[in-house]
Protein backbone atom coordinates (compact mmCIF):
# COMPACT_ATOMS: atom_id res chain seq x y z
CA MET A 1 20.56 -38.63 -45.41
CA ARG A 2 17.27 -37.26 -44.00
CA ARG A 3 17.59 -34.91 -40.94
CA PRO A 4 15.75 -36.22 -37.85
CA PRO A 5 12.51 -34.25 -37.17
CA PHE A 6 13.54 -33.16 -33.65
CA LEU A 7 16.52 -31.29 -35.09
CA THR A 8 14.22 -29.45 -37.45
CA TRP A 9 11.90 -28.45 -34.59
CA GLY A 10 14.88 -27.50 -32.43
CA LEU A 11 16.24 -25.25 -35.14
CA LEU A 12 12.79 -23.70 -35.58
CA LEU A 13 12.54 -22.99 -31.83
CA VAL A 14 15.93 -21.25 -31.87
CA LEU A 15 14.87 -19.13 -34.83
CA VAL A 16 11.61 -18.14 -33.11
CA LEU A 17 13.19 -17.29 -29.74
CA ALA A 18 16.37 -15.70 -31.01
CA PRO A 19 14.97 -12.18 -31.64
CA PRO A 20 13.31 -11.67 -28.19
CA LEU A 21 16.27 -13.27 -26.38
CA ALA A 22 18.68 -11.06 -28.28
CA LYS A 23 16.55 -8.01 -27.46
CA ALA A 24 16.47 -8.93 -23.76
CA ALA A 25 20.23 -9.41 -23.76
CA ARG A 26 20.79 -6.01 -25.38
CA ALA A 27 18.32 -4.21 -23.10
CA GLN A 28 19.85 -2.23 -20.24
CA ASN A 29 16.56 -1.53 -18.48
CA LEU A 30 13.37 -3.23 -17.42
CA LEU A 31 10.02 -1.51 -17.45
CA VAL A 32 7.59 -2.54 -14.71
CA PRO A 33 4.32 -1.50 -16.36
CA MET A 34 1.51 -0.37 -14.08
CA ASP A 35 -1.29 -0.23 -16.62
CA GLU A 36 -3.48 -3.15 -17.62
CA ALA A 37 -0.41 -5.04 -18.88
CA GLN A 38 0.70 -5.66 -15.29
CA GLU A 39 -0.07 -9.13 -13.95
CA ASN A 40 0.25 -8.15 -10.27
CA HIS A 41 0.03 -4.44 -9.47
CA LEU A 42 0.50 -4.83 -5.72
CA ARG A 43 3.59 -7.01 -5.88
CA ALA A 44 5.10 -4.66 -8.46
CA TYR A 45 5.60 -2.27 -5.53
CA GLY A 46 7.24 -5.07 -3.60
CA LEU A 47 9.58 -5.83 -6.48
CA THR A 48 10.57 -2.18 -6.74
CA TYR A 49 11.11 -1.95 -2.97
CA TRP A 50 13.23 -5.13 -3.11
CA ALA A 51 15.36 -3.71 -5.93
CA ILE A 52 15.99 -0.45 -4.06
CA ASP A 53 16.81 -2.40 -0.94
CA GLN A 54 19.40 -4.34 -2.98
CA GLY A 55 21.11 -1.04 -3.77
CA VAL A 56 20.20 -0.80 -7.44
CA SER A 57 18.94 2.33 -9.17
CA ALA A 58 15.23 2.72 -9.84
CA GLU A 59 12.88 5.36 -11.15
CA TRP A 60 9.20 6.03 -10.67
CA LEU A 61 7.72 7.11 -14.02
CA LEU A 62 4.87 9.32 -12.84
CA ASN A 63 1.82 9.24 -15.12
CA TYR A 64 3.66 7.03 -17.63
CA ARG A 65 1.50 3.96 -18.16
CA ASP A 66 -0.27 4.61 -14.86
CA GLY A 67 2.85 5.11 -12.76
CA SER A 68 5.29 2.48 -14.02
CA PHE A 69 8.74 1.77 -12.61
CA LEU A 70 12.11 1.56 -14.36
CA LEU A 71 14.72 -0.90 -13.11
CA PRO A 72 18.09 -2.06 -14.48
CA ASN A 73 18.05 -5.25 -16.53
CA GLN A 74 19.77 -7.57 -14.10
CA ARG A 75 19.30 -11.32 -13.90
CA ARG A 76 18.51 -11.22 -10.18
CA ILE A 77 15.72 -8.69 -10.79
CA VAL A 78 14.26 -10.73 -13.64
CA GLU A 79 14.32 -13.83 -11.44
CA GLN A 80 12.75 -12.00 -8.50
CA ALA A 81 10.01 -10.64 -10.77
CA ALA A 82 9.28 -14.18 -11.96
CA LEU A 83 9.07 -15.45 -8.37
CA MET A 84 6.66 -12.66 -7.44
CA GLY A 85 4.54 -12.95 -10.58
CA VAL A 86 5.30 -9.37 -11.65
CA THR A 87 5.33 -8.37 -15.30
CA VAL A 88 8.56 -6.76 -16.54
CA GLN A 89 9.42 -5.70 -20.08
CA PRO A 90 12.99 -5.26 -21.41
CA LEU A 91 13.65 -1.90 -23.08
CA SER A 92 16.16 -1.39 -25.85
CA GLY A 93 18.18 1.80 -26.02
CA THR A 94 15.87 3.14 -28.70
CA GLU A 95 12.76 2.33 -26.67
CA LEU A 96 14.22 3.97 -23.57
CA ALA A 97 15.03 7.11 -25.57
CA GLN A 98 11.45 7.21 -26.84
CA LEU A 99 10.18 6.78 -23.27
CA ARG A 100 12.34 9.70 -22.09
CA ALA A 101 11.09 11.89 -24.94
CA THR A 102 7.47 11.09 -24.09
CA ILE A 103 8.01 11.94 -20.42
CA ALA A 104 9.69 15.23 -21.33
CA ALA A 105 6.83 16.26 -23.59
CA GLU A 106 3.84 15.19 -21.49
CA ASN A 107 2.50 15.65 -17.95
CA MET A 108 4.93 13.04 -16.68
CA GLU A 109 8.11 12.87 -14.64
CA ALA A 110 10.84 10.36 -13.83
CA VAL A 111 11.63 10.42 -10.10
CA PRO A 112 14.71 8.54 -8.82
CA LEU A 113 14.07 6.15 -5.93
CA GLU A 114 17.12 6.10 -3.69
CA LYS A 115 16.56 4.32 -0.37
CA ALA A 116 14.16 1.67 0.81
CA PRO A 117 12.36 3.23 3.80
CA LYS A 118 12.36 1.42 7.12
CA ILE A 119 8.73 0.84 7.98
CA ALA A 120 6.89 0.75 11.30
CA ILE A 121 3.27 -0.22 11.92
CA TYR A 122 1.74 1.19 15.10
CA THR A 123 -0.33 -1.70 16.39
CA PRO A 124 -0.94 -3.60 19.65
CA PRO A 125 1.43 -6.54 20.19
CA ASN A 126 -1.24 -9.22 19.74
CA SER A 127 -3.07 -7.71 16.76
CA SER A 128 -3.91 -9.82 13.72
CA PRO A 129 -2.62 -8.84 10.25
CA TRP A 130 -6.14 -8.83 8.78
CA ASP A 131 -7.16 -6.06 11.18
CA ASP A 132 -5.23 -3.55 9.08
CA ALA A 133 -5.29 -3.03 5.31
CA VAL A 134 -1.76 -1.62 5.31
CA THR A 135 -0.31 -4.62 7.13
CA MET A 136 -2.07 -6.91 4.66
CA ALA A 137 -0.73 -4.85 1.74
CA LEU A 138 2.83 -5.00 3.04
CA GLU A 139 2.70 -8.73 3.66
CA TYR A 140 1.20 -9.46 0.27
CA ALA A 141 3.69 -7.19 -1.53
CA GLN A 142 6.51 -8.81 0.50
CA ILE A 143 7.69 -5.51 1.96
CA PRO A 144 9.29 -5.87 5.43
CA TYR A 145 7.99 -3.95 8.44
CA GLU A 146 8.26 -3.85 12.22
CA LYS A 147 5.60 -3.29 14.87
CA VAL A 148 5.65 -0.46 17.40
CA TRP A 149 3.20 0.59 20.06
CA ASP A 150 2.79 3.08 22.88
CA ALA A 151 5.92 2.21 24.85
CA ASP A 152 8.07 2.52 21.71
CA VAL A 153 6.63 5.95 20.95
CA LEU A 154 7.07 7.22 24.51
CA GLU A 155 10.65 5.91 24.63
CA GLY A 156 11.59 7.80 21.45
CA LYS A 157 12.09 4.74 19.23
CA LEU A 158 10.21 6.17 16.25
CA THR A 159 13.42 7.86 15.14
CA ASP A 160 14.60 4.41 14.01
CA TYR A 161 12.02 4.45 11.20
CA ASP A 162 11.45 6.42 8.02
CA TRP A 163 7.73 5.66 7.64
CA LEU A 164 5.01 5.12 10.23
CA HIS A 165 1.48 3.84 9.73
CA LEU A 166 -1.51 4.26 12.05
CA HIS A 167 -4.83 2.58 11.40
CA HIS A 168 -7.84 2.22 13.70
CA GLU A 169 -6.37 3.39 17.02
CA ASP A 170 -8.53 5.83 19.01
CA PHE A 171 -6.12 8.45 20.36
CA THR A 172 -8.86 10.10 22.44
CA GLY A 173 -8.81 7.09 24.76
CA GLN A 174 -12.46 6.14 24.20
CA TYR A 175 -11.69 2.73 22.61
CA SER A 176 -13.54 3.83 19.46
CA LYS A 177 -16.70 3.79 21.63
CA PHE A 178 -16.90 0.04 21.09
CA TYR A 179 -18.27 -0.20 24.63
CA LEU A 180 -21.67 0.74 23.16
CA ASN A 181 -22.00 -2.63 21.42
CA TYR A 182 -19.14 -4.87 22.57
CA THR A 183 -18.88 -4.34 26.33
CA ARG A 184 -18.80 -8.07 27.08
CA SER A 185 -16.43 -8.99 24.29
CA ASP A 186 -13.20 -10.61 25.42
CA TRP A 187 -11.17 -8.69 22.83
CA LEU A 188 -12.43 -5.32 24.13
CA ARG A 189 -11.78 -6.28 27.77
CA GLU A 190 -8.26 -7.32 26.79
CA GLU A 191 -7.71 -4.03 24.96
CA VAL A 192 -8.87 -1.99 27.96
CA ALA A 193 -6.65 -3.94 30.37
CA ARG A 194 -3.62 -3.66 28.08
CA ASN A 195 -3.97 0.11 27.67
CA GLN A 196 -4.53 0.68 31.38
CA GLN A 197 -1.41 -1.35 32.16
CA VAL A 198 0.73 0.82 29.87
CA ALA A 199 -0.79 4.00 31.34
CA ASN A 200 0.11 2.81 34.84
CA GLU A 201 3.64 1.81 33.81
CA PHE A 202 4.36 5.27 32.41
CA GLY A 203 2.64 7.18 35.22
CA TYR A 204 -0.40 8.54 33.39
CA ALA A 205 -3.63 9.09 35.28
CA ASP A 206 -5.76 7.35 32.68
CA VAL A 207 -5.75 6.02 29.13
CA PRO A 208 -6.86 9.32 27.51
CA ALA A 209 -3.80 11.00 29.07
CA LEU A 210 -1.58 8.18 27.79
CA LYS A 211 -2.96 8.46 24.25
CA ARG A 212 -2.52 12.24 24.20
CA ALA A 213 1.13 11.77 25.10
CA VAL A 214 1.51 9.18 22.35
CA ALA A 215 -0.16 11.55 19.87
CA LEU A 216 2.39 14.21 20.79
CA GLY A 217 5.21 11.73 20.25
CA ILE A 218 3.87 10.92 16.79
CA ARG A 219 3.56 14.61 15.93
CA ASP A 220 7.16 15.17 17.05
CA TYR A 221 8.22 12.29 14.80
CA VAL A 222 6.62 14.01 11.81
CA GLU A 223 8.02 17.40 12.74
CA GLN A 224 11.53 15.95 12.84
CA GLY A 225 11.22 14.54 9.31
CA GLY A 226 9.14 11.37 9.55
CA PHE A 227 6.59 10.21 7.00
CA LEU A 228 3.18 9.42 8.51
CA PHE A 229 0.38 7.52 6.80
CA ALA A 230 -2.91 7.05 8.66
CA MET A 231 -6.26 5.47 7.85
CA CYS A 232 -9.66 5.03 9.48
CA THR A 233 -10.08 6.20 13.08
CA ALA A 234 -6.43 7.16 13.55
CA THR A 235 -6.76 10.11 11.16
CA GLU A 236 -9.51 11.92 13.04
CA THR A 237 -8.66 10.93 16.61
CA LEU A 238 -4.96 11.80 16.30
CA ASP A 239 -5.82 15.41 15.55
CA LEU A 240 -8.56 15.47 18.19
CA ALA A 241 -6.04 14.27 20.79
CA LEU A 242 -3.47 16.86 19.69
CA ALA A 243 -5.99 19.72 19.79
CA ALA A 244 -7.38 18.58 23.15
CA GLN A 245 -4.17 18.57 25.17
CA ASP A 246 -5.96 20.64 27.86
CA VAL A 247 -9.46 19.24 27.27
CA ASP A 248 -10.66 15.83 28.46
CA ILE A 249 -13.13 14.89 25.74
CA ALA A 250 -13.12 11.29 26.99
CA ALA A 251 -14.09 12.15 30.59
CA ALA A 252 -17.62 10.83 30.26
CA PHE A 253 -16.31 7.38 29.47
CA ALA A 254 -13.22 7.49 31.66
CA ASP A 255 -14.94 8.14 34.99
CA GLY A 256 -18.61 8.90 34.34
CA THR A 257 -18.29 12.67 34.82
CA PRO A 258 -20.38 14.89 32.53
CA PRO A 259 -18.52 16.07 29.42
CA ASP A 260 -17.14 19.58 29.37
CA PRO A 261 -19.74 21.68 27.49
CA ASP A 262 -17.02 24.11 26.42
CA ALA A 263 -14.68 21.40 25.10
CA THR A 264 -15.15 22.33 21.44
CA ALA A 265 -14.50 26.01 22.13
CA ARG A 266 -11.33 25.25 24.09
CA MET A 267 -9.73 22.95 21.50
CA ASP A 268 -6.37 24.29 20.32
CA TRP A 269 -6.31 23.46 16.60
CA THR A 270 -2.90 25.04 16.12
CA GLN A 271 -1.53 21.82 17.64
CA ALA A 272 -3.26 19.56 15.11
CA LEU A 273 -1.85 18.38 11.77
CA ALA A 274 -4.68 18.42 9.23
CA PHE A 275 -7.93 19.72 10.75
CA GLU A 276 -9.29 22.78 12.51
CA ASN A 277 -12.50 24.22 13.94
CA ALA A 278 -14.24 20.85 14.12
CA THR A 279 -17.18 20.22 16.45
CA VAL A 280 -16.49 17.49 19.00
CA VAL A 281 -19.18 14.88 19.71
CA LEU A 282 -19.41 14.87 23.51
CA ASP A 283 -22.30 12.44 23.90
CA PRO A 284 -20.78 9.12 25.12
CA SER A 285 -23.87 7.24 23.87
CA LEU A 286 -23.28 8.34 20.26
CA SER A 287 -20.71 6.40 18.22
CA ALA A 288 -18.97 9.34 16.59
CA PHE A 289 -15.99 11.54 17.51
CA SER A 290 -16.57 14.82 15.70
CA ASP A 291 -17.94 16.31 12.51
CA ILE A 292 -14.60 15.73 10.78
CA ASP A 293 -16.00 12.48 9.36
CA ALA A 294 -18.51 13.44 6.68
CA HIS A 295 -20.12 9.98 6.56
CA GLN A 296 -20.89 9.57 10.31
CA VAL A 297 -21.05 5.83 9.75
CA ASN A 298 -22.49 4.72 13.14
CA THR A 299 -25.08 7.44 13.58
CA PRO A 300 -28.72 7.85 12.47
CA TRP A 301 -27.55 10.40 9.86
CA ARG A 302 -25.07 8.04 8.21
CA LYS A 303 -24.28 8.93 4.58
CA PRO A 304 -24.39 6.16 1.95
CA LEU A 305 -21.30 5.04 0.10
CA GLY A 306 -20.67 6.23 -3.43
CA SER A 307 -17.34 6.78 -5.10
CA PHE A 308 -14.35 9.08 -4.86
CA THR A 309 -12.24 10.67 -7.58
CA LEU A 310 -8.48 11.08 -7.55
CA PHE A 311 -7.34 14.54 -8.57
CA GLU A 312 -4.78 14.99 -11.33
CA PHE A 313 -1.64 17.02 -10.58
CA SER A 314 1.29 18.37 -12.56
CA ALA A 315 3.95 15.67 -12.37
CA LYS A 316 6.77 18.16 -12.98
CA ILE A 317 5.53 20.85 -10.59
CA ASP A 318 3.80 18.72 -7.92
CA PRO A 319 5.56 15.34 -7.92
CA VAL A 320 4.53 14.40 -4.39
CA PRO A 321 0.72 14.52 -4.83
CA THR A 322 1.25 12.95 -8.25
CA MET A 323 3.12 10.05 -6.65
CA LEU A 324 0.42 9.55 -4.04
CA THR A 325 -2.37 9.35 -6.63
CA GLN A 326 -0.81 6.96 -9.16
CA SER A 327 -3.37 4.35 -10.19
CA GLN A 328 -4.82 2.68 -13.25
CA GLU A 329 -8.24 4.05 -12.23
CA ARG A 330 -9.24 7.61 -11.33
CA VAL A 331 -12.73 6.92 -9.94
CA LEU A 332 -12.76 4.34 -7.14
CA PRO A 333 -15.58 2.72 -5.17
CA ASP A 334 -15.88 4.13 -1.66
CA PHE A 335 -15.44 2.11 1.54
CA TYR A 336 -16.49 2.71 5.14
CA GLY A 337 -14.39 3.05 8.25
CA LEU A 338 -15.19 4.54 11.65
CA THR A 339 -13.78 7.62 9.96
CA THR A 340 -14.70 7.32 6.28
CA SER A 341 -14.09 10.80 4.86
CA PHE A 342 -13.13 14.32 5.90
CA ASN A 343 -15.34 17.41 5.80
CA ALA A 344 -13.72 19.88 3.44
CA ALA A 345 -14.63 22.76 5.77
CA ASP A 346 -12.48 21.23 8.53
CA LEU A 347 -9.24 21.09 6.51
CA LYS A 348 -6.47 23.51 7.41
CA ASP A 349 -5.07 25.87 4.81
CA GLY A 350 -2.17 24.24 2.99
CA VAL A 351 -3.52 20.70 3.28
CA ILE A 352 -3.80 19.18 -0.20
CA ALA A 353 -6.96 17.30 -1.12
CA LEU A 354 -5.94 14.25 -3.17
CA ALA A 355 -9.40 12.80 -3.78
CA SER A 356 -12.94 14.12 -3.42
CA GLU A 357 -16.12 12.32 -2.41
CA ALA A 358 -19.01 12.12 -4.87
CA ASN A 359 -22.14 14.04 -3.74
CA LEU A 360 -20.45 15.29 -0.57
CA ASP A 361 -18.41 18.37 0.24
CA ALA A 362 -15.79 16.02 1.56
CA VAL A 363 -12.29 14.72 0.93
CA LYS A 364 -11.36 11.04 0.97
CA TYR A 365 -7.59 11.38 0.77
CA LEU A 366 -5.29 14.24 1.82
CA HIS A 367 -1.66 15.20 2.25
CA GLY A 368 0.23 17.89 4.12
CA ASN A 369 3.59 18.94 5.48
CA PHE A 370 4.49 19.53 9.11
CA GLY A 371 7.95 20.67 10.12
CA LYS A 372 10.49 18.59 8.20
CA GLY A 373 8.07 15.71 7.62
CA SER A 374 4.70 15.00 6.08
CA PHE A 375 1.41 13.21 6.72
CA THR A 376 -1.10 11.51 4.44
CA PHE A 377 -4.59 10.52 5.58
CA LEU A 378 -6.90 8.08 3.77
CA GLY A 379 -10.43 7.65 5.09
CA GLY A 380 -11.97 4.21 5.48
CA HIS A 381 -10.77 0.84 6.73
CA ASP A 382 -10.25 -1.55 3.80
CA PRO A 383 -10.37 -0.50 0.12
CA GLU A 384 -11.75 -3.91 -0.89
CA ASP A 385 -14.24 -4.37 1.96
CA PRO A 386 -16.84 -1.56 1.70
CA GLN A 387 -18.73 -2.29 4.94
CA HIS A 388 -16.11 -4.09 7.07
CA LEU A 389 -17.89 -5.37 10.14
CA ILE A 390 -15.99 -6.71 13.14
CA GLY A 391 -15.44 -10.42 12.65
CA ASP A 392 -15.58 -10.29 8.85
CA PRO A 393 -13.10 -12.57 7.06
CA ASP A 394 -9.85 -10.98 5.95
CA THR A 395 -9.44 -9.75 2.38
CA ASP A 396 -7.63 -12.16 0.07
CA LEU A 397 -5.26 -9.89 -1.83
CA GLU A 398 -4.35 -12.62 -4.29
CA LEU A 399 -7.87 -12.04 -5.62
CA LYS A 400 -7.43 -8.26 -5.42
CA ARG A 401 -3.92 -7.91 -6.82
CA HIS A 402 -5.02 -5.15 -9.23
CA SER A 403 -6.81 -3.13 -6.52
CA PRO A 404 -6.55 0.63 -7.22
CA GLY A 405 -7.43 1.35 -3.57
CA TYR A 406 -4.57 -0.77 -2.26
CA ARG A 407 -2.30 0.95 -4.78
CA LEU A 408 -2.92 4.21 -2.91
CA ILE A 409 -1.58 2.57 0.24
CA LEU A 410 1.53 1.28 -1.53
CA ASN A 411 2.13 4.64 -3.22
CA ASN A 412 2.67 5.96 0.29
CA VAL A 413 5.13 3.18 1.11
CA LEU A 414 7.39 4.10 -1.82
CA TYR A 415 6.97 7.87 -1.52
CA PRO A 416 9.74 8.23 1.13
CA ALA A 417 12.16 6.45 -1.24
CA ALA A 418 11.97 9.31 -3.72
CA LYS A 419 15.01 11.50 -4.20
CA LYS A 420 14.99 14.29 -1.64
CA LYS A 421 15.11 17.00 -4.30
CA ALA A 422 11.75 15.79 -5.59
CA LEU A 423 10.19 15.84 -2.13
CA LYS A 424 10.96 19.51 -1.60
CA THR A 425 9.05 20.76 -4.63
């Protein structure tokens, strides 16, 4: 009797699929590749965060296939990866042994990831997600976060979080000098009223005094062991506010009084995190804060965009800067922010430059330690929006899911999850 054709095709399908299915069943681990084999680089961070948050073991394979992750081969992880569109590859025992041997022999390291950090975004209560590249990255990667603002900082609530992000807040209290071009804008009037209300509620004479107090609260958070990541204006103005605790560099805007001509000389840079000996811009008609920003984006001497290059570090000796610079690309296109880059001459000793600017004596990306904690600053506003004008449409990360610039942001999100032993090297 002749066998029906569908049985023949069914048998053929079983024979074709049997080897990979058997391999997957035997595999004890899943590799989350972060090279060109990865279908969604940004959500790969979200998958890894999700796995850690579920209490499973994970490893960050520094410099191995552009910073891949190693997860256990569990059905729930495979299913979650499929839902998120993340590429995972089962590893047999032999393949895992080969991977370990490669890591041992090369400039690579396997760092255990232990605890999913609790994340806070410092942002006004009514802010939009597209105002902040980090918020967009977290939402797209499906990593949970909570919002905090001035009252939370002043009331000591930052201790509830492992990781804090600041973006385009002006901690000098000058509202990023937006009054030069947007005085009649409803959003700026609302921002001024909201900040003045908080200053009044907490008994501060003006908004600059409020923001200096908030800056101190953030510095205390870092000193006590917090992880701080800042971008754009927040990088420069946080340190200006900390160094100017006895200098009112915002006086010209606050009440129309002439700026203190000795303000720069009286700045106390020992109080700042990353910068020192910078020259403060005291002219309220000039849209710049200091010479910390090497690009001076809103001035007549604005520098054009180029590219920046990530430095390479020893994964075994310097795992932290290696973690922060994992990417499938080493040279990235530059992008503006109110603070775009950092003059190398203004960096404190001990601050690590993670990326340098092409054709400028400037740093795009830096990292340092303060007390028990650490800070990382990345210049610019949005890695996939080079100019970023107010009112521009938000970046669609589904179209930018391989973005090396957004990977730098998400490196910082996972960095606090690394085993504490690794963080102390």
